[in-house]
Amino acid sequence: MIFFFLMPVLIGGFGNYLLRLLLGIPDLNLPRLNALSAWLLLPACVCLSFGLVGGMGVG
């Protein structure tokens, strides 16, 4: 639960929101990169889940 929800919200969500408030700008310079990070969160969670379920380590 920590890796799937809490860490992305704390790092990505609050970071993007508070950075805009701190700088006083309506949007960040790279909105597509910001959206890409949000879209890549789902495949990253799927890979992490498969790694936990599979139980095979590196080496």
PDB file of N, CA and C in Angstrom:
ATOM      1  N   MET A   1       0.829  -1.192   0.000  1.00  0.00           N
ATOM      2  CA  MET A   1       0.000   0.000   0.000  1.00  0.00           C
ATOM      3  C   MET A   1       0.870   1.251   0.000  1.00  0.00           C
ATOM      4  N   ILE A   2       1.984   1.186   0.690  1.00  0.00           N
ATOM      5  CA  ILE A   2       2.865   2.353   0.747  1.00  0.00           C
ATOM      6  C   ILE A   2       3.415   2.671  -0.631  1.00  0.00           C
ATOM      7  N   PHE A   3       3.852   1.644  -1.366  1.00  0.00           N
ATOM      8  CA  PHE A   3       4.466   1.879  -2.665  1.00  0.00           C
ATOM      9  C   PHE A   3       3.445   2.224  -3.738  1.00  0.00           C
ATOM     10  N   PHE A   4       2.228   1.719  -3.608  1.00  0.00           N
ATOM     11  CA  PHE A   4       1.230   1.941  -4.646  1.00  0.00           C
ATOM     12  C   PHE A   4       0.512   3.279  -4.521  1.00  0.00           C
ATOM     13  N   PHE A   5       0.334   3.768  -3.319  1.00  0.00           N
ATOM     14  CA  PHE A   5      -0.468   4.977  -3.147  1.00  0.00           C
ATOM     15  C   PHE A   5       0.281   6.101  -2.449  1.00  0.00           C
ATOM     16  N   LEU A   6       0.831   5.823  -1.308  1.00  0.00           N
ATOM     17  CA  LEU A   6       1.369   6.883  -0.461  1.00  0.00           C
ATOM     18  C   LEU A   6       2.583   7.573  -1.074  1.00  0.00           C
ATOM     19  N   MET A   7       3.546   6.821  -1.548  1.00  0.00           N
ATOM     20  CA  MET A   7       4.754   7.427  -2.106  1.00  0.00           C
ATOM     21  C   MET A   7       4.474   8.223  -3.381  1.00  0.00           C
ATOM     22  N   PRO A   8       3.695   7.708  -4.359  1.00  0.00           N
ATOM     23  CA  PRO A   8       3.408   8.533  -5.536  1.00  0.00           C
ATOM     24  C   PRO A   8       2.628   9.802  -5.209  1.00  0.00           C
ATOM     25  N   VAL A   9       1.719   9.717  -4.254  1.00  0.00           N
ATOM     26  CA  VAL A   9       0.950  10.911  -3.891  1.00  0.00           C
ATOM     27  C   VAL A   9       1.847  11.934  -3.217  1.00  0.00           C
ATOM     28  N   LEU A  10       2.686  11.485  -2.307  1.00  0.00           N
ATOM     29  CA  LEU A  10       3.553  12.423  -1.600  1.00  0.00           C
ATOM     30  C   LEU A  10       4.586  13.053  -2.526  1.00  0.00           C
ATOM     31  N   ILE A  11       5.208  12.257  -3.362  1.00  0.00           N
ATOM     32  CA  ILE A  11       6.267  12.779  -4.230  1.00  0.00           C
ATOM     33  C   ILE A  11       5.678  13.496  -5.444  1.00  0.00           C
ATOM     34  N   GLY A  12       4.796  12.830  -6.169  1.00  0.00           N
ATOM     35  CA  GLY A  12       4.285  13.394  -7.409  1.00  0.00           C
ATOM     36  C   GLY A  12       3.147  14.368  -7.225  1.00  0.00           C
ATOM     37  N   GLY A  13       2.143  13.964  -6.486  1.00  0.00           N
ATOM     38  CA  GLY A  13       0.943  14.791  -6.349  1.00  0.00           C
ATOM     39  C   GLY A  13       1.188  16.085  -5.604  1.00  0.00           C
ATOM     40  N   PHE A  14       1.683  15.975  -4.392  1.00  0.00           N
ATOM     41  CA  PHE A  14       1.942  17.183  -3.613  1.00  0.00           C
ATOM     42  C   PHE A  14       3.075  18.000  -4.216  1.00  0.00           C
ATOM     43  N   GLY A  15       4.063  17.310  -4.789  1.00  0.00           N
ATOM     44  CA  GLY A  15       5.178  18.026  -5.407  1.00  0.00           C
ATOM     45  C   GLY A  15       4.722  18.906  -6.555  1.00  0.00           C
ATOM     46  N   ASN A  16       3.901  18.376  -7.427  1.00  0.00           N
ATOM     47  CA  ASN A  16       3.411  19.163  -8.560  1.00  0.00           C
ATOM     48  C   ASN A  16       2.486  20.283  -8.107  1.00  0.00           C
ATOM     49  N   TYR A  17       1.650  20.006  -7.140  1.00  0.00           N
ATOM     50  CA  TYR A  17       0.698  21.021  -6.675  1.00  0.00           C
ATOM     51  C   TYR A  17       1.412  22.137  -5.914  1.00  0.00           C
ATOM     52  N   LEU A  18       2.268  21.775  -4.982  1.00  0.00           N
ATOM     53  CA  LEU A  18       2.924  22.788  -4.159  1.00  0.00           C
ATOM     54  C   LEU A  18       3.979  23.567  -4.926  1.00  0.00           C
ATOM     55  N   LEU A  19       4.614  22.952  -5.907  1.00  0.00           N
ATOM     56  CA  LEU A  19       5.600  23.665  -6.711  1.00  0.00           C
ATOM     57  C   LEU A  19       4.943  24.777  -7.515  1.00  0.00           C
ATOM     58  N   ARG A  20       3.766  24.501  -8.052  1.00  0.00           N
ATOM     59  CA  ARG A  20       3.047  25.545  -8.794  1.00  0.00           C
ATOM     60  C   ARG A  20       2.633  26.684  -7.877  1.00  0.00           C
ATOM     61  N   LEU A  21       2.192  26.369  -6.669  1.00  0.00           N
ATOM     62  CA  LEU A  21       1.819  27.421  -5.725  1.00  0.00           C
ATOM     63  C   LEU A  21       3.028  28.242  -5.298  1.00  0.00           C
ATOM     64  N   LEU A  22       4.149  27.572  -5.078  1.00  0.00           N
ATOM     65  CA  LEU A  22       5.358  28.254  -4.637  1.00  0.00           C
ATOM     66  C   LEU A  22       5.886  29.203  -5.705  1.00  0.00           C
ATOM     67  N   LEU A  23       5.865  28.776  -6.964  1.00  0.00           N
ATOM     68  CA  LEU A  23       6.377  29.603  -8.047  1.00  0.00           C
ATOM     69  C   LEU A  23       5.344  30.599  -8.568  1.00  0.00           C
ATOM     70  N   GLY A  24       4.081  30.393  -8.247  1.00  0.00           N
ATOM     71  CA  GLY A  24       3.027  31.306  -8.692  1.00  0.00           C
ATOM     72  C   GLY A  24       2.724  31.203 -10.174  1.00  0.00           C
ATOM     73  N   ILE A  25       2.823  30.007 -10.734  1.00  0.00           N
ATOM     74  CA  ILE A  25       2.561  29.806 -12.156  1.00  0.00           C
ATOM     75  C   ILE A  25       1.301  28.951 -12.319  1.00  0.00           C
ATOM     76  N   PRO A  26       0.564  29.126 -13.425  1.00  0.00           N
ATOM     77  CA  PRO A  26      -0.662  28.344 -13.606  1.00  0.00           C
ATOM     78  C   PRO A  26      -0.397  26.878 -13.959  1.00  0.00           C
ATOM     79  N   ASP A  27       0.697  26.593 -14.679  1.00  0.00           N
ATOM     80  CA  ASP A  27       0.998  25.215 -15.065  1.00  0.00           C
ATOM     81  C   ASP A  27       2.510  25.053 -15.162  1.00  0.00           C
ATOM     82  N   LEU A  28       2.960  23.834 -15.096  1.00  0.00           N
ATOM     83  CA  LEU A  28       4.387  23.565 -15.191  1.00  0.00           C
ATOM     84  C   LEU A  28       4.854  23.684 -16.636  1.00  0.00           C
ATOM     85  N   ASN A  29       6.162  23.754 -16.827  1.00  0.00           N
ATOM     86  CA  ASN A  29       6.710  23.935 -18.170  1.00  0.00           C
ATOM     87  C   ASN A  29       6.527  22.714 -19.060  1.00  0.00           C
ATOM     88  N   LEU A  30       6.560  21.544 -18.488  1.00  0.00           N
ATOM     89  CA  LEU A  30       6.474  20.318 -19.273  1.00  0.00           C
ATOM     90  C   LEU A  30       5.228  19.520 -18.886  1.00  0.00           C
ATOM     91  N   PRO A  31       4.047  19.940 -19.352  1.00  0.00           N
ATOM     92  CA  PRO A  31       2.825  19.232 -18.945  1.00  0.00           C
ATOM     93  C   PRO A  31       2.752  17.806 -19.487  1.00  0.00           C
ATOM     94  N   ARG A  32       3.341  17.550 -20.657  1.00  0.00           N
ATOM     95  CA  ARG A  32       3.304  16.185 -21.198  1.00  0.00           C
ATOM     96  C   ARG A  32       4.167  15.243 -20.373  1.00  0.00           C
ATOM     97  N   LEU A  33       5.301  15.725 -19.904  1.00  0.00           N
ATOM     98  CA  LEU A  33       6.148  14.904 -19.049  1.00  0.00           C
ATOM     99  C   LEU A  33       5.463  14.635 -17.720  1.00  0.00           C
ATOM    100  N   ASN A  34       4.740  15.616 -17.221  1.00  0.00           N
ATOM    101  CA  ASN A  34       3.981  15.448 -15.989  1.00  0.00           C
ATOM    102  C   ASN A  34       2.873  14.408 -16.178  1.00  0.00           C
ATOM    103  N   ALA A  35       2.186  14.458 -17.304  1.00  0.00           N
ATOM    104  CA  ALA A  35       1.139  13.472 -17.592  1.00  0.00           C
ATOM    105  C   ALA A  35       1.739  12.087 -17.820  1.00  0.00           C
ATOM    106  N   LEU A  36       2.911  12.030 -18.444  1.00  0.00           N
ATOM    107  CA  LEU A  36       3.570  10.744 -18.667  1.00  0.00           C
ATOM    108  C   LEU A  36       3.918  10.073 -17.350  1.00  0.00           C
ATOM    109  N   SER A  37       4.350  10.844 -16.377  1.00  0.00           N
ATOM    110  CA  SER A  37       4.666  10.255 -15.078  1.00  0.00           C
ATOM    111  C   SER A  37       3.417   9.683 -14.418  1.00  0.00           C
ATOM    112  N   ALA A  38       2.285  10.328 -14.614  1.00  0.00           N
ATOM    113  CA  ALA A  38       1.040   9.799 -14.055  1.00  0.00           C
ATOM    114  C   ALA A  38       0.611   8.527 -14.782  1.00  0.00           C
ATOM    115  N   TRP A  39       0.787   8.477 -16.099  1.00  0.00           N
ATOM    116  CA  TRP A  39       0.390   7.294 -16.860  1.00  0.00           C
ATOM    117  C   TRP A  39       1.331   6.118 -16.633  1.00  0.00           C
ATOM    118  N   LEU A  40       2.588   6.370 -16.321  1.00  0.00           N
ATOM    119  CA  LEU A  40       3.537   5.283 -16.081  1.00  0.00           C
ATOM    120  C   LEU A  40       3.411   4.696 -14.684  1.00  0.00           C
ATOM    121  N   LEU A  41       2.621   5.315 -13.842  1.00  0.00           N
ATOM    122  CA  LEU A  41       2.438   4.796 -12.490  1.00  0.00           C
ATOM    123  C   LEU A  41       1.726   3.443 -12.510  1.00  0.00           C
ATOM    124  N   LEU A  42       0.734   3.270 -13.359  1.00  0.00           N
ATOM    125  CA  LEU A  42      -0.002   2.006 -13.425  1.00  0.00           C
ATOM    126  C   LEU A  42       0.881   0.839 -13.869  1.00  0.00           C
ATOM    127  N   PRO A  43       1.640   0.946 -14.971  1.00  0.00           N
ATOM    128  CA  PRO A  43       2.518  -0.179 -15.324  1.00  0.00           C
ATOM    129  C   PRO A  43       3.585  -0.454 -14.267  1.00  0.00           C
ATOM    130  N   ALA A  44       4.049   0.572 -13.589  1.00  0.00           N
ATOM    131  CA  ALA A  44       5.032   0.362 -12.529  1.00  0.00           C
ATOM    132  C   ALA A  44       4.427  -0.425 -11.373  1.00  0.00           C
ATOM    133  N   CYS A  45       3.190  -0.135 -11.029  1.00  0.00           N
ATOM    134  CA  CYS A  45       2.513  -0.883  -9.960  1.00  0.00           C
ATOM    135  C   CYS A  45       2.264  -2.326 -10.375  1.00  0.00           C
ATOM    136  N   VAL A  46       1.945  -2.543 -11.647  1.00  0.00           N
ATOM    137  CA  VAL A  46       1.742  -3.907 -12.142  1.00  0.00           C
ATOM    138  C   VAL A  46       3.052  -4.690 -12.089  1.00  0.00           C
ATOM    139  N   CYS A  47       4.149  -4.073 -12.510  1.00  0.00           N
ATOM    140  CA  CYS A  47       5.450  -4.754 -12.455  1.00  0.00           C
ATOM    141  C   CYS A  47       5.845  -5.067 -11.019  1.00  0.00           C
ATOM    142  N   LEU A  48       5.590  -4.156 -10.115  1.00  0.00           N
ATOM    143  CA  LEU A  48       5.904  -4.394  -8.712  1.00  0.00           C
ATOM    144  C   LEU A  48       5.056  -5.527  -8.153  1.00  0.00           C
ATOM    145  N   SER A  49       3.798  -5.582  -8.538  1.00  0.00           N
ATOM    146  CA  SER A  49       2.920  -6.664  -8.076  1.00  0.00           C
ATOM    147  C   SER A  49       3.383  -8.016  -8.599  1.00  0.00           C
ATOM    148  N   PHE A  50       3.744  -8.076  -9.874  1.00  0.00           N
ATOM    149  CA  PHE A  50       4.229  -9.339 -10.435  1.00  0.00           C
ATOM    150  C   PHE A  50       5.531  -9.771  -9.772  1.00  0.00           C
ATOM    151  N   GLY A  51       6.369  -8.826  -9.439  1.00  0.00           N
ATOM    152  CA  GLY A  51       7.611  -9.161  -8.753  1.00  0.00           C
ATOM    153  C   GLY A  51       7.368  -9.707  -7.359  1.00  0.00           C
ATOM    154  N   LEU A  52       6.384  -9.169  -6.676  1.00  0.00           N
ATOM    155  CA  LEU A  52       6.073  -9.664  -5.337  1.00  0.00           C
ATOM    156  C   LEU A  52       5.413 -11.037  -5.380  1.00  0.00           C
ATOM    157  N   VAL A  53       4.545 -11.252  -6.362  1.00  0.00           N
ATOM    158  CA  VAL A  53       3.828 -12.520  -6.473  1.00  0.00           C
ATOM    159  C   VAL A  53       4.742 -13.616  -7.017  1.00  0.00           C
ATOM    160  N   GLY A  54       5.596 -13.261  -7.979  1.00  0.00           N
ATOM    161  CA  GLY A  54       6.469 -14.254  -8.604  1.00  0.00           C
ATOM    162  C   GLY A  54       7.491 -14.833  -7.652  1.00  0.00           C
ATOM    163  N   GLY A  55       8.036 -14.022  -6.784  1.00  0.00           N
ATOM    164  CA  GLY A  55       8.977 -14.495  -5.792  1.00  0.00           C
ATOM    165  C   GLY A  55      10.358 -14.822  -6.325  1.00  0.00           C
ATOM    166  N   MET A  56      10.623 -14.542  -7.579  1.00  0.00           N
ATOM    167  CA  MET A  56      11.942 -14.819  -8.133  1.00  0.00           C
ATOM    168  C   MET A  56      12.808 -13.581  -7.989  1.00  0.00           C
ATOM    169  N   GLY A  57      13.929 -13.725  -7.363  1.00  0.00           N
ATOM    170  CA  GLY A  57      14.831 -12.609  -7.184  1.00  0.00           C
ATOM    171  C   GLY A  57      15.834 -12.509  -8.318  1.00  0.00           C
ATOM    172  N   VAL A  58      16.643 -11.499  -8.263  1.00  0.00           N
ATOM    173  CA  VAL A  58      17.692 -11.324  -9.255  1.00  0.00           C
ATOM    174  C   VAL A  58      18.826 -12.281  -8.908  1.00  0.00           C
ATOM    175  N   GLY A  59      19.240 -13.089  -9.875  1.00  0.00           N
ATOM    176  CA  GLY A  59      20.371 -14.011  -9.668  1.00  0.00           C
ATOM    177  C   GLY A  59      19.908 -15.253  -9.094  1.00  0.00           C
TER     178      GLY A  59
END
